[in-house]
Amino acid sequence: MTTDSKTIPATLIPGDGIGPEIVESVIEILNAVGAPFEWDKQLAGMAGVDAVNDPLPKQTIESIRRTGLALKGPLTTPVGGGFKSINVTLRQEFGLFANLRPTKTIVPGGRFDKIDLVLFRENLEGYYAAMEHYIPVGDDPKGIALSSGYNSRTECRRIVKYAFEYALKNNRKTVTIVHKANILKLLTGLFLEEGRKVAEEYKGRVAFNERIVDACAMQLVINPWQFDVVVTTNLFGDILSDLTAGLVGGLGMAPGANIGDKAAVFEAVHGSAPDIAGKGIANPLALLLAAVMMLQHVGRQDLADRIDLAIKKVITDGGLRTKDLGGDATTKDLTAALKQQLV
């Protein structure tokens, strides 16, 4: 997209728990840099259940279908009542095949420092397709729980190619394909097979290696600096992306993007944290970093860079931090400091 001054329609989902607080903070900061988004505010999660007895109302889906772009706060999927996971439903509804999770050190001096890696997770298939059922054993109707996963050659190729293209465009040097083809020989063997084919197409431009998932998990905590871009299947990506978030301070620093051909949804990866909702101490950084990714997605790298620089001055160099990062700043304190740097 171009970097002109035209407004860009986008869906805004405040979410549950601390969601409305951090969304308010992020919108203030986006307004301070003159972000081009024209927001259509919609409900989801418990807010959707309370309003229309639906955690993902049709109106919200229609809004995303119309805008093709959404920023969402953390959502709570109600327990019981037959409600499906909101995130899984969104991914399937809009074909959001790529889950992008960057991990970068913002607060220096921790156990791991100067981390800068990006994980790509296939978002539609694997075991998260959730084809599950019980098999009765004797008098027990739930004697065996059975879950089937699947990977298609098409989606394996698409996510790996997306990761290599990202590496090429962002001057990344190496893509690591993570699998379990030594045991799940067909399910993840197909992923590795297609991954190797894609890697050949980028030979001489982007380096390539491969890791078995358990070895990768170990190496991520022994020497995370060896990794640059990581691409893997749905379940492994879910687990490893939380692990990588832990390298830089936890999910409060973890943004996520869900990208498809017709829509993109940007989010804070963490939950709704109802225990601290309304206390004014929530950390808005994960959602702010997701908004930075959203600006990059629509071609406004200039505005993304301004916010990144403000974060560096306030948090990395300045030391103003919320409680979860070892400081005592409130949400409003952090928002005000970031806005001041953007003037």
Protein backbone atom coordinates (compact mmCIF):
# COMPACT_ATOMS: atom_id res chain seq x y z
CA MET A 1 0.00 0.00 0.00
CA THR A 2 1.09 3.58 -0.54
CA THR A 3 2.24 6.02 2.11
CA ASP A 4 -0.21 8.78 1.23
CA SER A 5 -2.54 10.50 3.65
CA LYS A 6 -5.70 8.59 2.77
CA THR A 7 -7.55 6.99 5.65
CA ILE A 8 -7.57 3.21 5.89
CA PRO A 9 -10.69 1.49 7.27
CA ALA A 10 -9.87 -0.95 10.08
CA THR A 11 -11.82 -2.96 12.64
CA LEU A 12 -11.06 -2.29 16.31
CA ILE A 13 -11.92 -4.92 18.94
CA PRO A 14 -11.24 -3.65 22.49
CA GLY A 15 -11.65 -7.12 23.97
CA ASP A 16 -12.04 -8.26 27.57
CA GLY A 17 -10.31 -7.67 30.90
CA ILE A 18 -7.43 -5.24 30.39
CA GLY A 19 -8.26 -5.08 26.67
CA PRO A 20 -10.16 -1.76 26.68
CA GLU A 21 -7.41 -0.11 28.78
CA ILE A 22 -4.51 -1.11 26.55
CA VAL A 23 -6.51 -0.44 23.38
CA GLU A 24 -7.22 3.09 24.63
CA SER A 25 -3.49 3.58 25.27
CA VAL A 26 -2.50 2.30 21.83
CA ILE A 27 -5.10 4.43 20.04
CA GLU A 28 -3.76 7.53 21.84
CA ILE A 29 -0.25 6.73 20.61
CA LEU A 30 -1.42 5.96 17.07
CA ASN A 31 -3.30 9.28 17.01
CA ALA A 32 -0.14 11.05 18.18
CA VAL A 33 1.76 9.90 15.07
CA GLY A 34 -1.17 10.56 12.75
CA ALA A 35 -1.87 6.92 11.92
CA PRO A 36 -4.22 6.64 8.93
CA PHE A 37 -6.71 4.19 10.42
CA GLU A 38 -10.43 4.92 10.45
CA TRP A 39 -11.75 2.65 13.17
CA ASP A 40 -14.92 0.58 13.19
CA LYS A 41 -15.27 -0.53 16.80
CA GLN A 42 -16.78 -4.01 17.30
CA LEU A 43 -17.36 -6.50 20.11
CA ALA A 44 -15.97 -10.00 20.66
CA GLY A 45 -15.19 -12.31 23.55
CA MET A 46 -17.20 -11.97 26.75
CA ALA A 47 -18.24 -8.48 25.66
CA GLY A 48 -19.90 -10.12 22.64
CA VAL A 49 -21.55 -12.77 24.82
CA ASP A 50 -22.90 -10.11 27.19
CA ALA A 51 -24.28 -8.05 24.29
CA VAL A 52 -25.64 -10.66 21.85
CA ASN A 53 -24.78 -14.06 23.40
CA ASP A 54 -22.06 -14.65 20.82
CA PRO A 55 -18.29 -14.38 21.43
CA LEU A 56 -17.77 -13.58 17.76
CA PRO A 57 -20.85 -11.66 16.56
CA LYS A 58 -21.76 -11.68 12.87
CA GLN A 59 -21.43 -7.90 12.84
CA THR A 60 -17.79 -8.20 13.91
CA ILE A 61 -17.06 -10.79 11.21
CA GLU A 62 -18.76 -8.58 8.60
CA SER A 63 -16.69 -5.60 9.71
CA ILE A 64 -13.41 -7.51 9.25
CA ARG A 65 -14.65 -8.82 5.91
CA ARG A 66 -15.32 -5.22 4.84
CA THR A 67 -12.08 -3.66 6.13
CA GLY A 68 -9.70 -6.61 5.67
CA LEU A 69 -7.79 -5.28 8.67
CA ALA A 70 -8.24 -5.58 12.44
CA LEU A 71 -6.52 -4.71 15.70
CA LYS A 72 -7.81 -6.69 18.64
CA GLY A 73 -7.26 -6.69 22.35
CA PRO A 74 -7.18 -9.94 24.34
CA LEU A 75 -10.39 -11.95 24.24
CA THR A 76 -11.87 -14.50 26.62
CA THR A 77 -13.47 -17.57 25.06
CA PRO A 78 -16.29 -18.63 27.41
CA VAL A 79 -15.81 -22.01 29.06
CA GLY A 80 -18.56 -24.47 28.10
CA GLY A 81 -21.71 -23.50 26.26
CA GLY A 82 -20.40 -24.96 23.00
CA PHE A 83 -18.42 -21.84 22.08
CA LYS A 84 -15.48 -22.42 19.75
CA SER A 85 -12.14 -20.69 20.19
CA ILE A 86 -12.50 -17.15 18.86
CA ASN A 87 -8.96 -17.07 17.49
CA VAL A 88 -9.32 -20.39 15.69
CA THR A 89 -12.65 -19.27 14.23
CA LEU A 90 -11.15 -15.99 12.96
CA ARG A 91 -8.21 -17.79 11.36
CA GLN A 92 -10.45 -20.27 9.59
CA GLU A 93 -13.09 -17.72 8.58
CA PHE A 94 -10.57 -15.45 6.87
CA GLY A 95 -7.91 -17.97 5.84
CA LEU A 96 -5.27 -16.33 8.07
CA PHE A 97 -2.61 -18.88 7.17
CA ALA A 98 0.46 -17.14 8.60
CA ASN A 99 0.96 -16.38 12.27
CA LEU A 100 3.90 -14.01 12.63
CA ARG A 101 5.49 -13.63 16.09
CA PRO A 102 8.58 -11.37 16.31
CA THR A 103 10.71 -11.59 19.45
CA LYS A 104 13.01 -8.68 20.18
CA THR A 105 14.71 -7.48 23.37
CA ILE A 106 13.25 -4.19 24.58
CA VAL A 107 14.24 -4.26 28.25
CA PRO A 108 18.03 -4.77 28.32
CA GLY A 109 20.13 -6.57 30.92
CA GLY A 110 18.03 -9.70 31.39
CA ARG A 111 19.22 -13.29 31.37
CA PHE A 112 18.96 -13.16 27.59
CA ASP A 113 19.90 -9.93 25.86
CA LYS A 114 19.95 -8.65 22.29
CA ILE A 115 17.42 -11.22 21.08
CA ASP A 116 16.05 -10.57 17.60
CA LEU A 117 14.24 -13.43 15.91
CA VAL A 118 10.94 -14.01 14.11
CA LEU A 119 8.77 -17.11 14.27
CA PHE A 120 6.28 -18.11 11.56
CA ARG A 121 3.58 -20.57 12.50
CA GLU A 122 1.26 -22.32 10.05
CA ASN A 123 -2.12 -21.19 11.29
CA LEU A 124 -4.83 -23.37 9.76
CA GLU A 125 -3.88 -27.05 9.88
CA GLY A 126 -1.99 -29.54 12.04
CA TYR A 127 -3.60 -30.73 15.26
CA TYR A 128 -5.35 -27.38 15.71
CA ALA A 129 -7.80 -28.39 12.99
CA ALA A 130 -9.26 -30.10 16.10
CA MET A 131 -10.83 -33.18 14.56
CA GLU A 132 -11.44 -34.97 17.84
CA HIS A 133 -13.72 -37.68 19.12
CA TYR A 134 -14.03 -40.36 21.79
CA ILE A 135 -13.97 -44.14 21.37
CA PRO A 136 -15.89 -46.12 24.01
CA VAL A 137 -14.04 -48.78 25.98
CA GLY A 138 -16.26 -51.16 27.92
CA ASP A 139 -18.69 -49.10 29.99
CA ASP A 140 -16.70 -45.91 29.51
CA PRO A 141 -18.00 -43.89 26.53
CA LYS A 142 -14.87 -41.74 26.72
CA GLY A 143 -12.38 -44.54 27.17
CA ILE A 144 -10.09 -43.25 24.40
CA ALA A 145 -9.74 -39.69 23.16
CA LEU A 146 -8.65 -39.47 19.54
CA SER A 147 -7.33 -36.41 17.76
CA SER A 148 -6.40 -36.24 14.08
CA GLY A 149 -4.15 -33.63 12.55
CA TYR A 150 -3.40 -32.97 8.93
CA ASN A 151 -0.96 -30.96 6.84
CA SER A 152 -1.55 -30.24 3.17
CA ARG A 153 1.29 -29.85 0.69
CA THR A 154 -0.24 -26.52 -0.41
CA GLU A 155 -0.28 -24.92 3.05
CA CYS A 156 3.14 -26.32 4.02
CA ARG A 157 4.61 -24.71 0.94
CA ARG A 158 2.73 -21.45 1.42
CA ILE A 159 3.89 -20.81 5.01
CA VAL A 160 7.53 -21.72 4.30
CA LYS A 161 7.58 -19.54 1.18
CA TYR A 162 6.07 -16.68 3.19
CA ALA A 163 8.87 -17.03 5.76
CA PHE A 164 11.57 -17.02 3.07
CA GLU A 165 10.02 -13.99 1.36
CA TYR A 166 9.95 -12.18 4.70
CA ALA A 167 13.61 -13.04 5.26
CA LEU A 168 14.52 -11.73 1.83
CA LYS A 169 12.60 -8.44 2.23
CA ASN A 170 13.86 -7.78 5.76
CA ASN A 171 17.51 -8.65 5.23
CA ARG A 172 17.32 -11.76 7.40
CA LYS A 173 20.06 -14.29 6.77
CA THR A 174 18.74 -17.71 7.76
CA VAL A 175 15.46 -19.63 7.88
CA THR A 176 15.20 -22.61 10.23
CA ILE A 177 12.52 -25.19 9.45
CA VAL A 178 11.32 -26.93 12.64
CA HIS A 179 9.65 -30.34 12.44
CA LYS A 180 9.25 -33.77 14.06
CA ALA A 181 9.71 -35.84 10.92
CA ASN A 182 11.75 -38.45 12.79
CA ILE A 183 8.56 -39.61 14.58
CA LEU A 184 5.59 -38.02 12.79
CA LYS A 185 7.04 -39.16 9.50
CA LEU A 186 4.04 -38.32 7.33
CA LEU A 187 2.40 -35.40 9.16
CA THR A 188 5.54 -33.32 9.62
CA GLY A 189 7.56 -35.21 7.04
CA LEU A 190 5.44 -33.53 4.38
CA PHE A 191 6.15 -30.13 5.96
CA LEU A 192 9.89 -30.79 5.91
CA GLU A 193 9.76 -32.14 2.36
CA GLU A 194 8.01 -29.03 1.03
CA GLY A 195 10.23 -26.80 3.16
CA ARG A 196 13.36 -28.23 1.57
CA LYS A 197 11.93 -27.66 -1.90
CA VAL A 198 11.18 -24.01 -1.10
CA ALA A 199 14.65 -23.56 0.43
CA GLU A 200 16.21 -24.67 -2.86
CA GLU A 201 14.41 -21.83 -4.63
CA TYR A 202 16.16 -19.30 -2.36
CA LYS A 203 19.60 -20.92 -2.45
CA GLY A 204 22.33 -18.29 -2.52
CA ARG A 205 19.93 -15.62 -1.24
CA VAL A 206 18.72 -16.96 2.13
CA ALA A 207 20.52 -19.66 4.12
CA PHE A 208 18.53 -22.63 5.40
CA ASN A 209 18.78 -25.20 8.16
CA GLU A 210 16.42 -27.55 9.95
CA ARG A 211 15.82 -28.63 13.54
CA ILE A 212 13.76 -31.30 15.27
CA VAL A 213 11.33 -29.44 17.54
CA ASP A 214 12.56 -30.77 20.90
CA ALA A 215 16.18 -30.00 20.01
CA CYS A 216 15.09 -26.57 18.84
CA ALA A 217 13.38 -25.88 22.20
CA MET A 218 16.59 -26.80 24.02
CA GLN A 219 18.78 -24.70 21.74
CA LEU A 220 16.47 -21.70 22.07
CA VAL A 221 17.33 -21.48 25.77
CA ILE A 222 21.01 -22.40 25.39
CA ASN A 223 21.89 -20.20 22.42
CA PRO A 224 18.89 -18.29 21.03
CA TRP A 225 21.19 -15.95 19.07
CA GLN A 226 21.78 -18.69 16.47
CA PHE A 227 18.18 -18.29 15.26
CA ASP A 228 16.96 -15.66 12.82
CA VAL A 229 13.69 -16.71 11.13
CA VAL A 230 11.97 -19.88 12.34
CA VAL A 231 9.07 -21.53 10.50
CA THR A 232 7.05 -24.47 11.79
CA THR A 233 3.68 -26.19 12.02
CA ASN A 234 0.68 -25.05 14.06
CA LEU A 235 1.12 -26.84 17.40
CA PHE A 236 4.91 -26.49 17.48
CA GLY A 237 4.62 -22.82 16.57
CA ASP A 238 2.17 -22.15 19.39
CA ILE A 239 4.53 -23.69 21.94
CA LEU A 240 7.80 -22.27 20.62
CA SER A 241 6.44 -18.74 20.22
CA ASP A 242 5.56 -18.63 23.94
CA LEU A 243 9.05 -19.93 24.70
CA THR A 244 10.65 -17.19 22.60
CA ALA A 245 8.44 -14.58 24.32
CA GLY A 246 9.91 -15.78 27.61
CA LEU A 247 13.38 -14.86 26.36
CA VAL A 248 12.45 -11.17 26.31
CA GLY A 249 10.27 -10.85 29.40
CA GLY A 250 7.07 -12.74 28.70
CA LEU A 251 3.84 -12.37 26.79
CA GLY A 252 3.55 -8.71 27.80
CA MET A 253 6.19 -8.07 25.15
CA ALA A 254 4.75 -10.40 22.49
CA PRO A 255 2.82 -9.04 19.51
CA GLY A 256 1.27 -11.25 16.87
CA ALA A 257 -0.04 -10.93 13.34
CA ASN A 258 -2.39 -13.31 11.56
CA ILE A 259 -2.04 -12.81 7.82
CA GLY A 260 -4.18 -14.09 4.96
CA ASP A 261 -4.74 -13.18 1.32
CA LYS A 262 -7.84 -11.10 2.08
CA ALA A 263 -7.47 -10.03 5.71
CA ALA A 264 -4.94 -9.44 8.48
CA VAL A 265 -5.61 -9.42 12.23
CA PHE A 266 -3.07 -7.93 14.65
CA GLU A 267 -3.17 -8.71 18.36
CA ALA A 268 -1.56 -8.82 21.74
CA VAL A 269 -0.72 -12.47 22.31
CA HIS A 270 -1.31 -12.38 26.07
CA GLY A 271 -4.63 -13.05 27.76
CA SER A 272 -7.21 -10.67 29.18
CA ALA A 273 -5.69 -10.66 32.72
CA PRO A 274 -8.99 -10.06 34.57
CA ASP A 275 -7.12 -9.98 37.91
CA ILE A 276 -5.59 -6.59 37.07
CA ALA A 277 -8.38 -5.18 34.90
CA GLY A 278 -9.39 -1.67 35.93
CA LYS A 279 -6.31 -1.11 38.10
CA GLY A 280 -4.53 1.03 35.52
CA ILE A 281 -1.31 -1.01 35.65
CA ALA A 282 -1.61 -3.08 32.46
CA ASN A 283 1.33 -3.08 30.05
CA PRO A 284 0.18 -1.91 26.59
CA LEU A 285 3.45 -2.77 24.83
CA ALA A 286 2.41 -6.06 23.23
CA LEU A 287 -0.61 -4.44 21.59
CA LEU A 288 1.41 -1.35 20.66
CA LEU A 289 4.01 -3.55 18.97
CA ALA A 290 1.16 -5.30 17.13
CA ALA A 291 -0.03 -1.87 15.97
CA VAL A 292 3.53 -1.18 14.74
CA MET A 293 3.31 -4.38 12.68
CA MET A 294 -0.06 -3.20 11.37
CA LEU A 295 1.48 0.10 10.23
CA GLN A 296 4.23 -1.84 8.44
CA HIS A 297 1.58 -4.03 6.80
CA VAL A 298 -0.18 -1.00 5.27
CA GLY A 299 3.08 0.54 4.06
CA ARG A 300 3.56 3.12 6.81
CA GLN A 301 7.05 2.11 7.88
CA ASP A 302 7.73 5.80 8.61
CA LEU A 303 5.15 5.85 11.41
CA ALA A 304 6.20 2.41 12.67
CA ASP A 305 9.79 3.65 12.98
CA ARG A 306 8.68 6.68 15.00
CA ILE A 307 6.87 4.50 17.54
CA ASP A 308 9.79 2.04 17.71
CA LEU A 309 12.14 4.94 18.43
CA ALA A 310 9.84 6.25 21.17
CA ILE A 311 9.76 2.79 22.80
CA LYS A 312 13.56 2.69 22.71
CA LYS A 313 13.87 6.12 24.34
CA VAL A 314 11.23 5.55 27.02
CA ILE A 315 11.74 1.90 27.95
CA THR A 316 15.07 0.61 26.65
CA ASP A 317 17.13 3.71 27.40
CA GLY A 318 14.83 5.65 29.73
CA GLY A 319 13.87 2.89 32.12
CA LEU A 320 10.19 3.80 32.52
CA ARG A 321 8.43 0.46 32.93
CA THR A 322 5.20 -1.07 34.13
CA LYS A 323 5.05 -3.43 37.12
CA ASP A 324 5.40 -6.60 35.04
CA LEU A 325 8.74 -5.26 33.73
CA GLY A 326 10.07 -4.44 37.20
CA GLY A 327 8.94 -0.81 37.33
CA ASP A 328 6.06 1.10 38.91
CA ALA A 329 4.68 3.08 35.95
CA THR A 330 0.94 2.99 35.32
CA THR A 331 -0.60 2.46 31.90
CA LYS A 332 -1.27 6.22 31.69
CA ASP A 333 2.33 7.05 32.77
CA LEU A 334 3.75 4.92 29.98
CA THR A 335 1.28 6.25 27.41
CA ALA A 336 2.05 9.87 28.31
CA ALA A 337 5.82 9.29 28.14
CA LEU A 338 5.58 7.62 24.74
CA LYS A 339 3.33 10.39 23.39
CA GLN A 340 5.80 13.03 24.64
CA GLN A 341 8.57 11.38 22.62
CA LEU A 342 6.37 11.47 19.52
CA VAL A 343 5.74 15.23 19.60
